[in-house]
Amino acid sequence: MERLDAFTIRVYGILIHNNQLMRLKEPFWGEVLYKMPGGGLEFGEGTLQCLARELKEELNLTLDQAELFYVQEDFIRSKFKTNEQLFTVYYKISCKDLADLQIIDKNIEEVNWIDLDQLSPEDMSLPVDKIVVGKLKSLIKEL
């Protein structure tokens, strides 16, 4: 196993509109990923700055509100860069005007919305996304 010598910090948004969760279809390193919007933290950014930048760069959306939802608790080695340890942060978010939604990032093939009552962890590709969807579903059941 390759030695770890770097961190990758990823910040994602849980965007729910009309009782549906936003999901992106994005090819990455030879795989098609179904994931929540967001991406990698850059030097000099805070987590909310990162998420706001990613939403604007990828989808032309302006972050309005964000509430911390989940911070990864377990060790995860990056599947794509095996020398890197992955750390992820998730916020439940809203955006100013979803009418502005436009795919800007050429790597994103599609934006789709999944009904919360039909949502399953298996609808997502990334391991921590699956955990977050499970927690989201548990929270919805409690309401």
C-alpha atoms as a PDB file:
ATOM      1  CA  MET A   1       0.000   0.000   0.000  1.00  0.00           C
ATOM      2  CA  GLU A   2       1.306   3.426  -0.965  1.00  0.00           C
ATOM      3  CA  ARG A   3       2.434   5.726   1.836  1.00  0.00           C
ATOM      4  CA  LEU A   4       0.118   8.633   2.721  1.00  0.00           C
ATOM      5  CA  ASP A   5       1.740  12.039   2.292  1.00  0.00           C
ATOM      6  CA  ALA A   6      -1.100  14.452   1.500  1.00  0.00           C
ATOM      7  CA  PHE A   7      -4.647  15.454   2.427  1.00  0.00           C
ATOM      8  CA  THR A   8      -7.536  16.278   0.150  1.00  0.00           C
ATOM      9  CA  ILE A   9     -10.345  18.237   1.779  1.00  0.00           C
ATOM     10  CA  ARG A  10     -13.661  18.097  -0.073  1.00  0.00           C
ATOM     11  CA  VAL A  11     -16.710  20.240   0.705  1.00  0.00           C
ATOM     12  CA  TYR A  12     -20.179  19.280  -0.559  1.00  0.00           C
ATOM     13  CA  GLY A  13     -23.638  20.820  -0.525  1.00  0.00           C
ATOM     14  CA  ILE A  14     -26.874  19.012   0.227  1.00  0.00           C
ATOM     15  CA  LEU A  15     -29.241  21.025  -1.941  1.00  0.00           C
ATOM     16  CA  ILE A  16     -32.918  20.161  -1.507  1.00  0.00           C
ATOM     17  CA  HIS A  17     -35.615  21.874  -3.561  1.00  0.00           C
ATOM     18  CA  ASN A  18     -39.275  20.837  -3.865  1.00  0.00           C
ATOM     19  CA  ASN A  19     -38.548  17.766  -1.724  1.00  0.00           C
ATOM     20  CA  GLN A  20     -35.817  16.617  -4.130  1.00  0.00           C
ATOM     21  CA  LEU A  21     -32.042  16.285  -3.701  1.00  0.00           C
ATOM     22  CA  MET A  22     -29.716  17.669  -6.369  1.00  0.00           C
ATOM     23  CA  ARG A  23     -27.306  15.100  -7.817  1.00  0.00           C
ATOM     24  CA  LEU A  24     -24.584  15.600 -10.412  1.00  0.00           C
ATOM     25  CA  LYS A  25     -23.405  13.098 -13.009  1.00  0.00           C
ATOM     26  CA  GLU A  26     -19.698  13.618 -13.530  1.00  0.00           C
ATOM     27  CA  PRO A  27     -17.086  11.381 -15.180  1.00  0.00           C
ATOM     28  CA  PHE A  28     -13.912  11.298 -13.087  1.00  0.00           C
ATOM     29  CA  TRP A  29     -10.764   9.230 -13.644  1.00  0.00           C
ATOM     30  CA  GLY A  30     -12.518   6.786 -15.966  1.00  0.00           C
ATOM     31  CA  GLU A  31     -15.622   6.321 -13.802  1.00  0.00           C
ATOM     32  CA  VAL A  32     -19.025   7.962 -13.885  1.00  0.00           C
ATOM     33  CA  LEU A  33     -19.779   9.458 -10.483  1.00  0.00           C
ATOM     34  CA  TYR A  34     -23.156  10.434  -9.109  1.00  0.00           C
ATOM     35  CA  LYS A  35     -22.457  12.950  -6.366  1.00  0.00           C
ATOM     36  CA  MET A  36     -23.562  16.071  -4.579  1.00  0.00           C
ATOM     37  CA  PRO A  37     -22.309  19.466  -5.769  1.00  0.00           C
ATOM     38  CA  GLY A  38     -19.016  20.651  -4.341  1.00  0.00           C
ATOM     39  CA  GLY A  39     -15.326  20.009  -4.626  1.00  0.00           C
ATOM     40  CA  GLY A  40     -11.836  20.478  -3.317  1.00  0.00           C
ATOM     41  CA  LEU A  41     -10.708  23.101  -0.833  1.00  0.00           C
ATOM     42  CA  GLU A  42      -7.998  25.399  -2.176  1.00  0.00           C
ATOM     43  CA  PHE A  43      -5.244  26.982  -0.075  1.00  0.00           C
ATOM     44  CA  GLY A  44      -6.471  30.141   1.636  1.00  0.00           C
ATOM     45  CA  GLU A  45     -10.154  29.128   1.581  1.00  0.00           C
ATOM     46  CA  GLY A  46     -12.533  28.278   4.368  1.00  0.00           C
ATOM     47  CA  THR A  47     -15.031  25.493   3.822  1.00  0.00           C
ATOM     48  CA  LEU A  48     -17.938  27.832   3.024  1.00  0.00           C
ATOM     49  CA  GLN A  49     -15.787  29.871   0.639  1.00  0.00           C
ATOM     50  CA  CYS A  50     -14.877  26.626  -1.126  1.00  0.00           C
ATOM     51  CA  LEU A  51     -18.489  25.541  -1.445  1.00  0.00           C
ATOM     52  CA  ALA A  52     -19.598  28.966  -2.707  1.00  0.00           C
ATOM     53  CA  ARG A  53     -16.799  28.961  -5.301  1.00  0.00           C
ATOM     54  CA  GLU A  54     -17.579  25.428  -6.476  1.00  0.00           C
ATOM     55  CA  LEU A  55     -21.301  26.174  -6.845  1.00  0.00           C
ATOM     56  CA  LYS A  56     -20.539  29.301  -8.883  1.00  0.00           C
ATOM     57  CA  GLU A  57     -17.830  27.665 -11.043  1.00  0.00           C
ATOM     58  CA  GLU A  58     -19.737  24.465 -11.725  1.00  0.00           C
ATOM     59  CA  LEU A  59     -23.400  25.478 -11.790  1.00  0.00           C
ATOM     60  CA  ASN A  60     -23.598  29.290 -11.837  1.00  0.00           C
ATOM     61  CA  LEU A  61     -25.359  29.175  -8.448  1.00  0.00           C
ATOM     62  CA  THR A  62     -24.917  31.624  -5.573  1.00  0.00           C
ATOM     63  CA  LEU A  63     -24.792  30.120  -2.095  1.00  0.00           C
ATOM     64  CA  ASP A  64     -27.432  31.710   0.133  1.00  0.00           C
ATOM     65  CA  GLN A  65     -27.458  29.758   3.386  1.00  0.00           C
ATOM     66  CA  ALA A  66     -25.464  26.839   4.736  1.00  0.00           C
ATOM     67  CA  GLU A  67     -25.818  24.732   7.852  1.00  0.00           C
ATOM     68  CA  LEU A  68     -23.180  22.173   8.798  1.00  0.00           C
ATOM     69  CA  PHE A  69     -24.701  18.711   8.370  1.00  0.00           C
ATOM     70  CA  TYR A  70     -21.886  16.150   8.544  1.00  0.00           C
ATOM     71  CA  VAL A  71     -18.134  15.951   9.025  1.00  0.00           C
ATOM     72  CA  GLN A  72     -16.438  12.717   8.013  1.00  0.00           C
ATOM     73  CA  GLU A  73     -15.465  10.749  11.095  1.00  0.00           C
ATOM     74  CA  ASP A  74     -13.474   7.821   9.721  1.00  0.00           C
ATOM     75  CA  PHE A  75     -10.206   7.480   7.848  1.00  0.00           C
ATOM     76  CA  ILE A  76     -10.619   7.225   4.075  1.00  0.00           C
ATOM     77  CA  ARG A  77      -7.809   6.854   1.575  1.00  0.00           C
ATOM     78  CA  SER A  78      -8.534   8.563  -1.724  1.00  0.00           C
ATOM     79  CA  LYS A  79      -9.655   6.040  -4.327  1.00  0.00           C
ATOM     80  CA  PHE A  80      -8.142   8.124  -7.106  1.00  0.00           C
ATOM     81  CA  LYS A  81      -4.896   9.357  -5.521  1.00  0.00           C
ATOM     82  CA  THR A  82      -3.836   6.583  -3.164  1.00  0.00           C
ATOM     83  CA  ASN A  83      -1.152   8.676  -1.454  1.00  0.00           C
ATOM     84  CA  GLU A  84      -3.854  11.068  -0.194  1.00  0.00           C
ATOM     85  CA  GLN A  85      -6.104  10.912   2.828  1.00  0.00           C
ATOM     86  CA  LEU A  86      -9.579  12.213   2.085  1.00  0.00           C
ATOM     87  CA  PHE A  87     -11.536  14.435   4.462  1.00  0.00           C
ATOM     88  CA  THR A  88     -15.061  15.629   3.658  1.00  0.00           C
ATOM     89  CA  VAL A  89     -17.474  18.214   5.051  1.00  0.00           C
ATOM     90  CA  TYR A  90     -21.165  18.471   4.115  1.00  0.00           C
ATOM     91  CA  TYR A  91     -23.503  21.434   4.473  1.00  0.00           C
ATOM     92  CA  LYS A  92     -27.269  21.542   3.979  1.00  0.00           C
ATOM     93  CA  ILE A  93     -27.577  24.527   1.659  1.00  0.00           C
ATOM     94  CA  SER A  94     -29.893  26.842  -0.198  1.00  0.00           C
ATOM     95  CA  CYS A  95     -29.034  28.963  -3.212  1.00  0.00           C
ATOM     96  CA  LYS A  96     -30.298  32.438  -4.093  1.00  0.00           C
ATOM     97  CA  ASP A  97     -31.975  31.685  -7.399  1.00  0.00           C
ATOM     98  CA  LEU A  98     -32.182  28.197  -8.881  1.00  0.00           C
ATOM     99  CA  ALA A  99     -33.369  29.785 -12.140  1.00  0.00           C
ATOM    100  CA  ASP A 100     -29.682  30.717 -12.603  1.00  0.00           C
ATOM    101  CA  LEU A 101     -28.734  27.024 -12.700  1.00  0.00           C
ATOM    102  CA  GLN A 102     -26.511  26.400 -15.686  1.00  0.00           C
ATOM    103  CA  ILE A 103     -23.863  23.708 -16.087  1.00  0.00           C
ATOM    104  CA  ILE A 104     -20.614  25.612 -16.570  1.00  0.00           C
ATOM    105  CA  ASP A 105     -18.105  22.894 -15.689  1.00  0.00           C
ATOM    106  CA  LYS A 106     -17.549  20.870 -18.866  1.00  0.00           C
ATOM    107  CA  ASN A 107     -16.961  17.739 -16.774  1.00  0.00           C
ATOM    108  CA  ILE A 108     -20.503  17.718 -15.396  1.00  0.00           C
ATOM    109  CA  GLU A 109     -22.722  15.801 -17.788  1.00  0.00           C
ATOM    110  CA  GLU A 110     -26.028  16.254 -16.018  1.00  0.00           C
ATOM    111  CA  VAL A 111     -27.867  17.685 -13.024  1.00  0.00           C
ATOM    112  CA  ASN A 112     -30.811  15.676 -11.799  1.00  0.00           C
ATOM    113  CA  TRP A 113     -33.141  15.742  -8.826  1.00  0.00           C
ATOM    114  CA  ILE A 114     -34.126  12.698  -6.777  1.00  0.00           C
ATOM    115  CA  ASP A 115     -37.352  12.607  -4.747  1.00  0.00           C
ATOM    116  CA  LEU A 116     -36.444  12.343  -1.068  1.00  0.00           C
ATOM    117  CA  ASP A 117     -39.000   9.579  -0.520  1.00  0.00           C
ATOM    118  CA  GLN A 118     -37.265   7.492  -3.216  1.00  0.00           C
ATOM    119  CA  LEU A 119     -33.692   8.482  -2.319  1.00  0.00           C
ATOM    120  CA  SER A 120     -31.315   5.665  -1.400  1.00  0.00           C
ATOM    121  CA  PRO A 121     -27.612   5.664  -0.452  1.00  0.00           C
ATOM    122  CA  GLU A 122     -27.084   3.570  -3.585  1.00  0.00           C
ATOM    123  CA  ASP A 123     -28.097   6.586  -5.696  1.00  0.00           C
ATOM    124  CA  MET A 124     -24.672   8.059  -4.904  1.00  0.00           C
ATOM    125  CA  SER A 125     -21.198   6.869  -5.937  1.00  0.00           C
ATOM    126  CA  LEU A 126     -18.940   8.285  -3.232  1.00  0.00           C
ATOM    127  CA  PRO A 127     -18.723   6.354   0.066  1.00  0.00           C
ATOM    128  CA  VAL A 128     -19.248   9.382   2.302  1.00  0.00           C
ATOM    129  CA  ASP A 129     -22.159  10.595   0.121  1.00  0.00           C
ATOM    130  CA  LYS A 130     -23.804   7.240   0.876  1.00  0.00           C
ATOM    131  CA  ILE A 131     -23.346   7.831   4.624  1.00  0.00           C
ATOM    132  CA  VAL A 132     -24.765  11.347   4.319  1.00  0.00           C
ATOM    133  CA  VAL A 133     -27.811  10.131   2.376  1.00  0.00           C
ATOM    134  CA  GLY A 134     -28.409   7.503   5.075  1.00  0.00           C
ATOM    135  CA  LYS A 135     -28.271  10.188   7.781  1.00  0.00           C
ATOM    136  CA  LEU A 136     -30.541  12.451   5.732  1.00  0.00           C
ATOM    137  CA  LYS A 137     -33.091   9.648   5.306  1.00  0.00           C
ATOM    138  CA  SER A 138     -33.000   8.926   9.064  1.00  0.00           C
ATOM    139  CA  LEU A 139     -33.591  12.594   9.808  1.00  0.00           C
ATOM    140  CA  ILE A 140     -36.534  12.721   7.389  1.00  0.00           C
ATOM    141  CA  LYS A 141     -38.123   9.668   9.065  1.00  0.00           C
ATOM    142  CA  GLU A 142     -37.921  11.432  12.428  1.00  0.00           C
ATOM    143  CA  LEU A 143     -39.866  14.454  11.129  1.00  0.00           C
END
